[in-house]
Amino acid sequence: MATSTSRLQDVVDRSKMSIRTFYNFFASKDDLLVAVHETILATEVVPRMRARCDSASDPIGRVEAYIEGIYELTSNPGPVSRALTTYSNRLAETRPEDLERAFKPQIDLVVELIRDAKASGRLHTPLSTKSAAHLLHHTVLATIHAASSGSKPRTG
């Protein structure tokens, strides 16, 4: 518990606010985590992924660009990688509705990519566009989470 408290104190100290002021803005540490997660996704992940996907003209190439881009973003330690791995795992356990809200801009991008790929006739799935987008999004994140925890993909 001391580690958790000292990390919160670090945040309070770095922001140059009192602990009381912190709790005026955030009811808990998880509220802060949600805010950080939403900010990183909205200001870093989605714009980077959109730019990367927009550089490909082929609808399937755009989907591939998205998947490769997410892997690249999480391959280097830093805030973006933590948002897509550590923060996501914690929020999935403690605040699943908030996590889903935080991921909405990213899911919206994946819905757009899947819709375009289906419209091109190059992606065939009985799933709705939204269901296919959620499946792709969560599959990629699950693979990233497994890799970040030391799991290696099976071969053969």
N, C-alpha and C. Protein backbone atom coordinates (compact mmCIF):
# COMPACT_ATOMS: atom_id res chain seq x y z
N MET A 1 0.82 -1.19 0.00
CA MET A 1 0.00 0.00 0.00
C MET A 1 0.87 1.26 0.00
N ALA A 2 1.99 1.19 0.65
CA ALA A 2 2.88 2.35 0.70
C ALA A 2 3.33 2.75 -0.70
N THR A 3 3.57 1.77 -1.56
CA THR A 3 3.99 2.07 -2.92
C THR A 3 2.90 2.82 -3.66
N SER A 4 1.66 2.36 -3.54
CA SER A 4 0.53 3.00 -4.19
C SER A 4 0.36 4.43 -3.69
N THR A 5 0.45 4.61 -2.38
CA THR A 5 0.32 5.93 -1.79
C THR A 5 1.45 6.83 -2.23
N SER A 6 2.67 6.32 -2.26
CA SER A 6 3.80 7.15 -2.67
C SER A 6 3.70 7.54 -4.14
N ARG A 7 3.16 6.66 -4.98
CA ARG A 7 2.96 7.01 -6.39
C ARG A 7 1.93 8.11 -6.52
N LEU A 8 0.85 8.03 -5.76
CA LEU A 8 -0.14 9.10 -5.78
C LEU A 8 0.49 10.40 -5.28
N GLN A 9 1.29 10.31 -4.25
CA GLN A 9 1.96 11.50 -3.74
C GLN A 9 2.90 12.07 -4.80
N ASP A 10 3.57 11.20 -5.57
CA ASP A 10 4.42 11.67 -6.67
C ASP A 10 3.61 12.46 -7.69
N VAL A 11 2.43 11.94 -8.03
CA VAL A 11 1.55 12.63 -8.99
C VAL A 11 1.15 13.99 -8.44
N VAL A 12 0.75 14.01 -7.18
CA VAL A 12 0.32 15.26 -6.54
C VAL A 12 1.49 16.24 -6.50
N ASP A 13 2.66 15.77 -6.14
CA ASP A 13 3.84 16.64 -6.08
C ASP A 13 4.20 17.19 -7.45
N ARG A 14 4.19 16.33 -8.46
CA ARG A 14 4.56 16.77 -9.82
C ARG A 14 3.55 17.76 -10.39
N SER A 15 2.30 17.62 -10.00
CA SER A 15 1.27 18.53 -10.50
C SER A 15 1.20 19.82 -9.69
N LYS A 16 1.98 19.86 -8.62
CA LYS A 16 2.04 21.04 -7.75
C LYS A 16 0.67 21.38 -7.17
N MET A 17 -0.04 20.34 -6.76
CA MET A 17 -1.32 20.54 -6.09
C MET A 17 -1.31 19.78 -4.78
N SER A 18 -2.25 20.10 -3.94
CA SER A 18 -2.36 19.39 -2.67
C SER A 18 -3.17 18.11 -2.89
N ILE A 19 -3.06 17.21 -1.96
CA ILE A 19 -3.82 15.97 -2.03
C ILE A 19 -5.32 16.29 -2.00
N ARG A 20 -5.69 17.31 -1.26
CA ARG A 20 -7.10 17.72 -1.19
C ARG A 20 -7.58 18.20 -2.56
N THR A 21 -6.78 19.00 -3.23
CA THR A 21 -7.13 19.47 -4.56
C THR A 21 -7.24 18.29 -5.53
N PHE A 22 -6.33 17.34 -5.42
CA PHE A 22 -6.39 16.13 -6.26
C PHE A 22 -7.76 15.47 -6.11
N TYR A 23 -8.19 15.28 -4.89
CA TYR A 23 -9.46 14.60 -4.65
C TYR A 23 -10.67 15.47 -5.01
N ASN A 24 -10.47 16.77 -5.23
CA ASN A 24 -11.55 17.61 -5.79
C ASN A 24 -11.78 17.27 -7.26
N PHE A 25 -10.71 16.86 -7.94
CA PHE A 25 -10.80 16.52 -9.36
C PHE A 25 -11.07 15.03 -9.58
N PHE A 26 -10.51 14.19 -8.74
CA PHE A 26 -10.59 12.75 -8.92
C PHE A 26 -11.06 12.11 -7.62
N ALA A 27 -12.10 11.30 -7.70
CA ALA A 27 -12.62 10.64 -6.50
C ALA A 27 -11.68 9.53 -6.01
N SER A 28 -10.85 9.00 -6.94
CA SER A 28 -9.95 7.91 -6.58
C SER A 28 -8.77 7.89 -7.54
N LYS A 29 -7.81 7.03 -7.22
CA LYS A 29 -6.67 6.84 -8.13
C LYS A 29 -7.13 6.26 -9.46
N ASP A 30 -8.15 5.42 -9.42
CA ASP A 30 -8.66 4.85 -10.67
C ASP A 30 -9.31 5.92 -11.55
N ASP A 31 -9.91 6.95 -10.95
CA ASP A 31 -10.44 8.06 -11.75
C ASP A 31 -9.32 8.75 -12.51
N LEU A 32 -8.19 8.93 -11.83
CA LEU A 32 -7.03 9.51 -12.50
C LEU A 32 -6.56 8.59 -13.62
N LEU A 33 -6.52 7.30 -13.36
CA LEU A 33 -6.09 6.34 -14.36
C LEU A 33 -6.99 6.39 -15.59
N VAL A 34 -8.29 6.48 -15.39
CA VAL A 34 -9.23 6.59 -16.51
C VAL A 34 -8.93 7.85 -17.31
N ALA A 35 -8.73 8.97 -16.63
CA ALA A 35 -8.45 10.24 -17.32
C ALA A 35 -7.16 10.17 -18.11
N VAL A 36 -6.13 9.57 -17.53
CA VAL A 36 -4.85 9.42 -18.23
C VAL A 36 -5.03 8.52 -19.45
N HIS A 37 -5.73 7.43 -19.26
CA HIS A 37 -5.97 6.47 -20.36
C HIS A 37 -6.72 7.14 -21.51
N GLU A 38 -7.79 7.84 -21.19
CA GLU A 38 -8.57 8.53 -22.23
C GLU A 38 -7.72 9.56 -22.97
N THR A 39 -6.92 10.30 -22.22
CA THR A 39 -6.09 11.33 -22.83
C THR A 39 -5.05 10.72 -23.77
N ILE A 40 -4.39 9.67 -23.34
CA ILE A 40 -3.37 9.04 -24.18
C ILE A 40 -4.00 8.46 -25.45
N LEU A 41 -5.13 7.81 -25.31
CA LEU A 41 -5.79 7.25 -26.49
C LEU A 41 -6.22 8.35 -27.45
N ALA A 42 -6.84 9.40 -26.92
CA ALA A 42 -7.37 10.46 -27.78
C ALA A 42 -6.29 11.32 -28.41
N THR A 43 -5.20 11.57 -27.68
CA THR A 43 -4.19 12.50 -28.20
C THR A 43 -2.99 11.82 -28.85
N GLU A 44 -2.77 10.56 -28.56
CA GLU A 44 -1.61 9.86 -29.11
C GLU A 44 -1.99 8.68 -30.01
N VAL A 45 -2.72 7.72 -29.45
CA VAL A 45 -2.97 6.47 -30.17
C VAL A 45 -3.82 6.69 -31.41
N VAL A 46 -5.00 7.27 -31.25
CA VAL A 46 -5.92 7.40 -32.38
C VAL A 46 -5.33 8.29 -33.48
N PRO A 47 -4.79 9.47 -33.17
CA PRO A 47 -4.20 10.27 -34.26
C PRO A 47 -3.05 9.55 -34.99
N ARG A 48 -2.20 8.86 -34.25
CA ARG A 48 -1.09 8.12 -34.89
C ARG A 48 -1.64 7.00 -35.78
N MET A 49 -2.61 6.28 -35.27
CA MET A 49 -3.17 5.16 -36.04
C MET A 49 -3.93 5.67 -37.26
N ARG A 50 -4.67 6.76 -37.11
CA ARG A 50 -5.39 7.32 -38.25
C ARG A 50 -4.41 7.76 -39.34
N ALA A 51 -3.36 8.45 -38.96
CA ALA A 51 -2.36 8.89 -39.94
C ALA A 51 -1.72 7.70 -40.63
N ARG A 52 -1.41 6.70 -39.86
CA ARG A 52 -0.79 5.50 -40.44
C ARG A 52 -1.75 4.81 -41.41
N CYS A 53 -2.99 4.64 -41.00
CA CYS A 53 -3.98 3.98 -41.85
C CYS A 53 -4.29 4.79 -43.10
N ASP A 54 -4.35 6.11 -42.94
CA ASP A 54 -4.65 6.98 -44.09
C ASP A 54 -3.54 6.97 -45.13
N SER A 55 -2.35 6.53 -44.73
CA SER A 55 -1.24 6.47 -45.70
C SER A 55 -1.37 5.27 -46.64
N ALA A 56 -2.25 4.34 -46.32
CA ALA A 56 -2.50 3.18 -47.18
C ALA A 56 -3.80 3.42 -47.95
N SER A 57 -3.79 3.11 -49.23
CA SER A 57 -4.99 3.34 -50.03
C SER A 57 -5.90 2.11 -50.09
N ASP A 58 -5.31 0.94 -50.01
CA ASP A 58 -6.07 -0.31 -50.06
C ASP A 58 -6.77 -0.55 -48.72
N PRO A 59 -8.07 -0.86 -48.72
CA PRO A 59 -8.79 -1.07 -47.45
C PRO A 59 -8.19 -2.17 -46.57
N ILE A 60 -7.74 -3.25 -47.15
CA ILE A 60 -7.11 -4.31 -46.36
C ILE A 60 -5.75 -3.83 -45.86
N GLY A 61 -5.04 -3.09 -46.68
CA GLY A 61 -3.77 -2.50 -46.27
C GLY A 61 -3.94 -1.54 -45.10
N ARG A 62 -5.08 -0.85 -45.05
CA ARG A 62 -5.37 0.05 -43.93
C ARG A 62 -5.56 -0.74 -42.64
N VAL A 63 -6.25 -1.87 -42.74
CA VAL A 63 -6.44 -2.74 -41.56
C VAL A 63 -5.08 -3.27 -41.10
N GLU A 64 -4.27 -3.72 -42.05
CA GLU A 64 -2.92 -4.21 -41.71
C GLU A 64 -2.09 -3.10 -41.08
N ALA A 65 -2.19 -1.88 -41.62
CA ALA A 65 -1.43 -0.75 -41.08
C ALA A 65 -1.84 -0.49 -39.63
N TYR A 66 -3.11 -0.62 -39.34
CA TYR A 66 -3.60 -0.44 -37.97
C TYR A 66 -2.98 -1.48 -37.04
N ILE A 67 -3.08 -2.74 -37.42
CA ILE A 67 -2.55 -3.82 -36.57
C ILE A 67 -1.05 -3.65 -36.35
N GLU A 68 -0.31 -3.41 -37.43
CA GLU A 68 1.13 -3.22 -37.30
C GLU A 68 1.46 -1.99 -36.46
N GLY A 69 0.67 -0.93 -36.62
CA GLY A 69 0.91 0.29 -35.86
C GLY A 69 0.70 0.10 -34.37
N ILE A 70 -0.34 -0.64 -33.99
CA ILE A 70 -0.58 -0.90 -32.57
C ILE A 70 0.58 -1.70 -31.99
N TYR A 71 1.06 -2.69 -32.75
CA TYR A 71 2.21 -3.46 -32.26
C TYR A 71 3.43 -2.57 -32.10
N GLU A 72 3.67 -1.68 -33.05
CA GLU A 72 4.82 -0.77 -32.94
C GLU A 72 4.68 0.16 -31.73
N LEU A 73 3.49 0.70 -31.53
CA LEU A 73 3.28 1.61 -30.40
C LEU A 73 3.55 0.93 -29.06
N THR A 74 3.27 -0.34 -28.99
CA THR A 74 3.45 -1.04 -27.72
C THR A 74 4.80 -1.73 -27.59
N SER A 75 5.61 -1.68 -28.63
CA SER A 75 6.91 -2.35 -28.57
C SER A 75 7.94 -1.54 -27.78
N ASN A 76 7.71 -0.24 -27.64
CA ASN A 76 8.62 0.62 -26.89
C ASN A 76 7.98 1.00 -25.57
N PRO A 77 8.73 0.90 -24.47
CA PRO A 77 8.15 1.30 -23.19
C PRO A 77 7.83 2.79 -23.21
N GLY A 78 6.78 3.16 -22.54
CA GLY A 78 6.38 4.56 -22.46
C GLY A 78 4.90 4.67 -22.18
N PRO A 79 4.39 5.90 -22.13
CA PRO A 79 2.99 6.10 -21.76
C PRO A 79 2.00 5.40 -22.70
N VAL A 80 2.26 5.43 -23.98
CA VAL A 80 1.33 4.81 -24.93
C VAL A 80 1.29 3.31 -24.71
N SER A 81 2.44 2.70 -24.57
CA SER A 81 2.51 1.27 -24.33
C SER A 81 1.81 0.90 -23.03
N ARG A 82 2.05 1.68 -21.98
CA ARG A 82 1.39 1.41 -20.70
C ARG A 82 -0.12 1.57 -20.81
N ALA A 83 -0.58 2.55 -21.58
CA ALA A 83 -2.02 2.76 -21.73
C ALA A 83 -2.68 1.56 -22.39
N LEU A 84 -2.00 0.97 -23.35
CA LEU A 84 -2.58 -0.15 -24.07
C LEU A 84 -2.35 -1.49 -23.39
N THR A 85 -1.53 -1.53 -22.37
CA THR A 85 -1.28 -2.79 -21.69
C THR A 85 -1.65 -2.69 -20.21
N THR A 86 -0.78 -2.15 -19.41
CA THR A 86 -0.97 -2.12 -17.96
C THR A 86 -2.25 -1.40 -17.56
N TYR A 87 -2.46 -0.19 -18.07
CA TYR A 87 -3.65 0.57 -17.69
C TYR A 87 -4.91 -0.14 -18.14
N SER A 88 -4.88 -0.67 -19.35
CA SER A 88 -6.06 -1.38 -19.88
C SER A 88 -6.40 -2.58 -19.00
N ASN A 89 -5.40 -3.34 -18.61
CA ASN A 89 -5.65 -4.51 -17.77
C ASN A 89 -6.28 -4.10 -16.45
N ARG A 90 -5.74 -3.09 -15.83
CA ARG A 90 -6.27 -2.63 -14.54
C ARG A 90 -7.70 -2.14 -14.69
N LEU A 91 -7.94 -1.31 -15.71
CA LEU A 91 -9.28 -0.77 -15.89
C LEU A 91 -10.28 -1.85 -16.32
N ALA A 92 -9.84 -2.86 -17.03
CA ALA A 92 -10.73 -3.95 -17.40
C ALA A 92 -11.25 -4.66 -16.16
N GLU A 93 -10.44 -4.72 -15.13
CA GLU A 93 -10.86 -5.36 -13.88
C GLU A 93 -11.69 -4.43 -13.00
N THR A 94 -11.28 -3.17 -12.92
CA THR A 94 -11.91 -2.28 -11.95
C THR A 94 -12.98 -1.37 -12.54
N ARG A 95 -12.85 -1.00 -13.81
CA ARG A 95 -13.75 -0.02 -14.41
C ARG A 95 -14.05 -0.36 -15.87
N PRO A 96 -14.65 -1.50 -16.16
CA PRO A 96 -14.84 -1.92 -17.56
C PRO A 96 -15.67 -0.93 -18.39
N GLU A 97 -16.67 -0.30 -17.81
CA GLU A 97 -17.48 0.67 -18.57
C GLU A 97 -16.64 1.89 -18.95
N ASP A 98 -15.81 2.35 -18.02
CA ASP A 98 -14.94 3.49 -18.31
C ASP A 98 -13.90 3.13 -19.36
N LEU A 99 -13.40 1.91 -19.30
CA LEU A 99 -12.43 1.46 -20.30
C LEU A 99 -13.07 1.45 -21.68
N GLU A 100 -14.28 0.93 -21.77
CA GLU A 100 -14.98 0.89 -23.06
C GLU A 100 -15.19 2.31 -23.59
N ARG A 101 -15.55 3.24 -22.71
CA ARG A 101 -15.72 4.64 -23.12
C ARG A 101 -14.39 5.23 -23.60
N ALA A 102 -13.33 4.91 -22.89
CA ALA A 102 -12.01 5.43 -23.27
C ALA A 102 -11.59 4.90 -24.63
N PHE A 103 -11.92 3.64 -24.91
CA PHE A 103 -11.54 3.03 -26.18
C PHE A 103 -12.44 3.45 -27.35
N LYS A 104 -13.53 4.15 -27.09
CA LYS A 104 -14.48 4.47 -28.15
C LYS A 104 -13.84 5.12 -29.38
N PRO A 105 -13.01 6.15 -29.25
CA PRO A 105 -12.41 6.73 -30.46
C PRO A 105 -11.58 5.71 -31.24
N GLN A 106 -10.90 4.83 -30.54
CA GLN A 106 -10.10 3.80 -31.21
C GLN A 106 -11.01 2.78 -31.88
N ILE A 107 -12.05 2.36 -31.19
CA ILE A 107 -13.02 1.42 -31.77
C ILE A 107 -13.68 2.04 -32.99
N ASP A 108 -14.01 3.33 -32.91
CA ASP A 108 -14.62 4.01 -34.05
C ASP A 108 -13.72 3.96 -35.28
N LEU A 109 -12.42 4.11 -35.07
CA LEU A 109 -11.47 4.00 -36.17
C LEU A 109 -11.49 2.58 -36.75
N VAL A 110 -11.49 1.58 -35.90
CA VAL A 110 -11.50 0.19 -36.37
C VAL A 110 -12.82 -0.10 -37.09
N VAL A 111 -13.94 0.41 -36.60
CA VAL A 111 -15.22 0.25 -37.29
C VAL A 111 -15.12 0.82 -38.70
N GLU A 112 -14.54 2.00 -38.83
CA GLU A 112 -14.35 2.63 -40.14
C GLU A 112 -13.50 1.75 -41.06
N LEU A 113 -12.42 1.20 -40.53
CA LEU A 113 -11.54 0.35 -41.33
C LEU A 113 -12.26 -0.91 -41.79
N ILE A 114 -12.99 -1.54 -40.88
CA ILE A 114 -13.72 -2.76 -41.22
C ILE A 114 -14.83 -2.46 -42.23
N ARG A 115 -15.56 -1.37 -42.00
CA ARG A 115 -16.63 -0.98 -42.93
C ARG A 115 -16.08 -0.79 -44.34
N ASP A 116 -14.96 -0.09 -44.46
CA ASP A 116 -14.36 0.16 -45.78
C ASP A 116 -13.87 -1.14 -46.42
N ALA A 117 -13.29 -2.02 -45.60
CA ALA A 117 -12.80 -3.30 -46.14
C ALA A 117 -13.97 -4.17 -46.60
N LYS A 118 -15.08 -4.17 -45.85
CA LYS A 118 -16.26 -4.92 -46.28
C LYS A 118 -16.86 -4.32 -47.55
N ALA A 119 -16.94 -3.00 -47.60
CA ALA A 119 -17.51 -2.30 -48.76
C ALA A 119 -16.69 -2.56 -50.02
N SER A 120 -15.40 -2.78 -49.87
CA SER A 120 -14.54 -3.04 -51.03
C SER A 120 -14.75 -4.44 -51.59
N GLY A 121 -15.44 -5.28 -50.81
CA GLY A 121 -15.65 -6.67 -51.23
C GLY A 121 -14.47 -7.57 -50.91
N ARG A 122 -13.48 -7.04 -50.20
CA ARG A 122 -12.28 -7.83 -49.89
C ARG A 122 -12.30 -8.45 -48.51
N LEU A 123 -13.29 -8.09 -47.70
CA LEU A 123 -13.43 -8.68 -46.37
C LEU A 123 -14.83 -9.27 -46.29
N HIS A 124 -14.87 -10.56 -46.08
CA HIS A 124 -16.15 -11.27 -45.99
C HIS A 124 -16.28 -11.83 -44.59
N THR A 125 -17.33 -11.42 -43.90
CA THR A 125 -17.59 -11.92 -42.55
C THR A 125 -19.09 -11.89 -42.29
N PRO A 126 -19.58 -12.90 -41.62
CA PRO A 126 -21.00 -12.86 -41.24
C PRO A 126 -21.26 -11.92 -40.06
N LEU A 127 -20.19 -11.45 -39.43
CA LEU A 127 -20.34 -10.54 -38.29
C LEU A 127 -20.75 -9.15 -38.77
N SER A 128 -21.45 -8.44 -37.90
CA SER A 128 -21.73 -7.04 -38.19
C SER A 128 -20.40 -6.28 -38.19
N THR A 129 -20.40 -5.13 -38.80
CA THR A 129 -19.18 -4.32 -38.84
C THR A 129 -18.71 -3.99 -37.43
N LYS A 130 -19.62 -3.62 -36.57
CA LYS A 130 -19.25 -3.28 -35.19
C LYS A 130 -18.69 -4.49 -34.45
N SER A 131 -19.34 -5.65 -34.61
CA SER A 131 -18.84 -6.86 -33.94
C SER A 131 -17.47 -7.25 -34.46
N ALA A 132 -17.27 -7.17 -35.77
CA ALA A 132 -15.96 -7.49 -36.35
C ALA A 132 -14.89 -6.52 -35.84
N ALA A 133 -15.25 -5.25 -35.72
CA ALA A 133 -14.30 -4.24 -35.22
C ALA A 133 -13.93 -4.53 -33.76
N HIS A 134 -14.92 -4.84 -32.94
CA HIS A 134 -14.63 -5.16 -31.54
C HIS A 134 -13.76 -6.42 -31.45
N LEU A 135 -14.07 -7.42 -32.26
CA LEU A 135 -13.28 -8.65 -32.25
C LEU A 135 -11.83 -8.36 -32.64
N LEU A 136 -11.62 -7.60 -33.69
CA LEU A 136 -10.26 -7.25 -34.11
C LEU A 136 -9.54 -6.47 -33.01
N HIS A 137 -10.20 -5.45 -32.50
CA HIS A 137 -9.60 -4.61 -31.46
C HIS A 137 -9.18 -5.45 -30.25
N HIS A 138 -10.09 -6.27 -29.74
CA HIS A 138 -9.79 -7.04 -28.53
C HIS A 138 -8.81 -8.18 -28.80
N THR A 139 -8.82 -8.74 -29.98
CA THR A 139 -7.84 -9.77 -30.33
C THR A 139 -6.43 -9.19 -30.37
N VAL A 140 -6.28 -8.05 -31.00
CA VAL A 140 -4.97 -7.40 -31.07
C VAL A 140 -4.50 -7.06 -29.65
N LEU A 141 -5.38 -6.47 -28.84
CA LEU A 141 -4.98 -6.13 -27.47
C LEU A 141 -4.64 -7.36 -26.64
N ALA A 142 -5.41 -8.44 -26.81
CA ALA A 142 -5.11 -9.67 -26.05
C ALA A 142 -3.74 -10.22 -26.44
N THR A 143 -3.41 -10.15 -27.71
CA THR A 143 -2.11 -10.63 -28.18
C THR A 143 -0.99 -9.76 -27.61
N ILE A 144 -1.22 -8.46 -27.59
CA ILE A 144 -0.24 -7.53 -27.02
C ILE A 144 -0.08 -7.79 -25.53
N HIS A 145 -1.18 -7.98 -24.83
CA HIS A 145 -1.11 -8.24 -23.38
C HIS A 145 -0.35 -9.53 -23.11
N ALA A 146 -0.63 -10.56 -23.91
CA ALA A 146 0.07 -11.84 -23.72
C ALA A 146 1.57 -11.66 -23.96
N ALA A 147 1.93 -10.95 -24.99
CA ALA A 147 3.35 -10.73 -25.29
C ALA A 147 4.02 -9.91 -24.19
N SER A 148 3.30 -8.90 -23.67
CA SER A 148 3.91 -8.05 -22.64
C SER A 148 4.07 -8.80 -21.32
N SER A 149 3.29 -9.87 -21.14
CA SER A 149 3.43 -10.66 -19.92
C SER A 149 4.39 -11.83 -20.07
N GLY A 150 5.05 -11.88 -21.23
CA GLY A 150 6.06 -12.90 -21.44
C GLY A 150 5.62 -14.12 -22.21
N SER A 151 4.35 -14.19 -22.58
CA SER A 151 3.86 -15.33 -23.37
C SER A 151 4.41 -15.23 -24.79
N LYS A 152 4.74 -16.35 -25.33
CA LYS A 152 5.22 -16.40 -26.72
C LYS A 152 4.20 -17.13 -27.55
N PRO A 153 3.99 -16.66 -28.80
CA PRO A 153 3.03 -17.37 -29.64
C PRO A 153 3.49 -18.77 -29.97
N ARG A 154 2.53 -19.66 -30.10
CA ARG A 154 2.86 -21.03 -30.50
C ARG A 154 3.22 -21.07 -31.96
N THR A 155 4.12 -21.95 -32.29
CA THR A 155 4.49 -22.11 -33.69
C THR A 155 4.16 -23.53 -34.12
N GLY A 156 3.98 -23.71 -35.42
CA GLY A 156 3.77 -25.05 -35.95
C GLY A 156 2.42 -25.44 -35.87
